[in-house]
């Protein structure tokens, strides 16, 4: 069975609608399609993102004298 499109009424600030229409135009799509794409993306999430899952769990492993490690340690701290 085909997925049938239905009308949906939303209450959104006028400034948000204006920016949404501008964004949709830049993407070459309609505001309705932009909202549908955003809803599909959000509805498809079933848990934490990769970054959220690993945030705070990785630790530095010292590698003295390795230029690449030294550069990254200096750049990002550690």
Protein backbone atom coordinates (compact mmCIF):
# COMPACT_ATOMS: atom_id res chain seq x y z
CA UNK A 1 0.00 0.00 0.00
CA UNK A 2 1.35 3.43 -0.94
CA UNK A 3 2.15 5.95 1.79
CA UNK A 4 -0.59 8.57 1.42
CA UNK A 5 0.16 12.25 2.07
CA UNK A 6 -2.05 13.96 4.67
CA UNK A 7 -2.51 17.61 5.57
CA UNK A 8 -1.05 18.79 8.87
CA UNK A 9 -1.72 22.08 10.63
CA UNK A 10 1.14 23.49 12.69
CA UNK A 11 1.48 26.67 14.73
CA UNK A 12 4.87 28.22 14.05
CA UNK A 13 6.24 31.74 14.52
CA UNK A 14 6.10 33.84 11.36
CA UNK A 15 9.87 34.45 11.47
CA UNK A 16 10.49 30.69 11.60
CA UNK A 17 8.21 30.13 8.61
CA UNK A 18 10.06 32.82 6.66
CA UNK A 19 13.47 31.30 7.44
CA UNK A 20 12.11 27.83 6.66
CA UNK A 21 10.87 28.97 3.25
CA UNK A 22 14.25 30.57 2.54
CA UNK A 23 16.04 27.35 3.50
CA UNK A 24 13.68 25.26 1.38
CA UNK A 25 14.28 27.56 -1.61
CA UNK A 26 18.06 27.24 -1.19
CA UNK A 27 17.64 23.44 -1.26
CA UNK A 28 15.28 23.60 -4.22
CA UNK A 29 12.38 22.03 -2.35
CA UNK A 30 9.13 23.04 -0.67
CA UNK A 31 8.64 23.96 2.96
CA UNK A 32 6.38 20.93 3.30
CA UNK A 33 9.11 18.62 2.01
CA UNK A 34 11.70 20.25 4.27
CA UNK A 35 9.48 19.67 7.33
CA UNK A 36 8.75 16.09 6.24
CA UNK A 37 12.47 15.37 5.82
CA UNK A 38 13.20 16.79 9.29
CA UNK A 39 10.42 14.75 10.87
CA UNK A 40 11.60 11.59 9.13
CA UNK A 41 15.15 12.15 10.31
CA UNK A 42 14.05 12.80 13.91
CA UNK A 43 11.58 9.89 13.96
CA UNK A 44 14.28 7.54 12.70
CA UNK A 45 16.59 8.18 15.63
CA UNK A 46 16.46 5.35 18.09
CA UNK A 47 19.22 6.23 20.51
CA UNK A 48 22.26 8.37 21.12
CA UNK A 49 24.40 9.48 18.20
CA UNK A 50 27.86 8.01 17.76
CA UNK A 51 29.42 11.13 19.29
CA UNK A 52 27.00 11.11 22.23
CA UNK A 53 27.70 7.44 22.86
CA UNK A 54 31.47 7.91 23.10
CA UNK A 55 31.69 11.41 24.65
CA UNK A 56 33.93 11.34 27.71
CA UNK A 57 34.87 7.68 27.36
CA UNK A 58 38.08 7.99 25.37
CA UNK A 59 41.33 8.75 27.17
CA UNK A 60 44.77 9.83 26.00
CA UNK A 61 47.35 7.08 25.71
CA UNK A 62 50.74 8.70 26.03
CA UNK A 63 53.05 8.26 23.04
CA UNK A 64 56.09 10.39 23.85
CA UNK A 65 58.20 11.43 20.89
CA UNK A 66 55.55 10.64 18.27
CA UNK A 67 55.13 13.89 16.29
CA UNK A 68 51.50 13.31 15.34
CA UNK A 69 50.49 12.59 18.93
CA UNK A 70 52.47 15.57 20.21
CA UNK A 71 50.73 17.84 17.69
CA UNK A 72 47.24 16.58 18.58
CA UNK A 73 47.95 16.80 22.32
CA UNK A 74 49.11 20.40 21.91
CA UNK A 75 46.13 21.29 19.71
CA UNK A 76 43.39 19.66 21.80
CA UNK A 77 44.98 19.56 25.24
CA UNK A 78 45.36 16.53 27.36
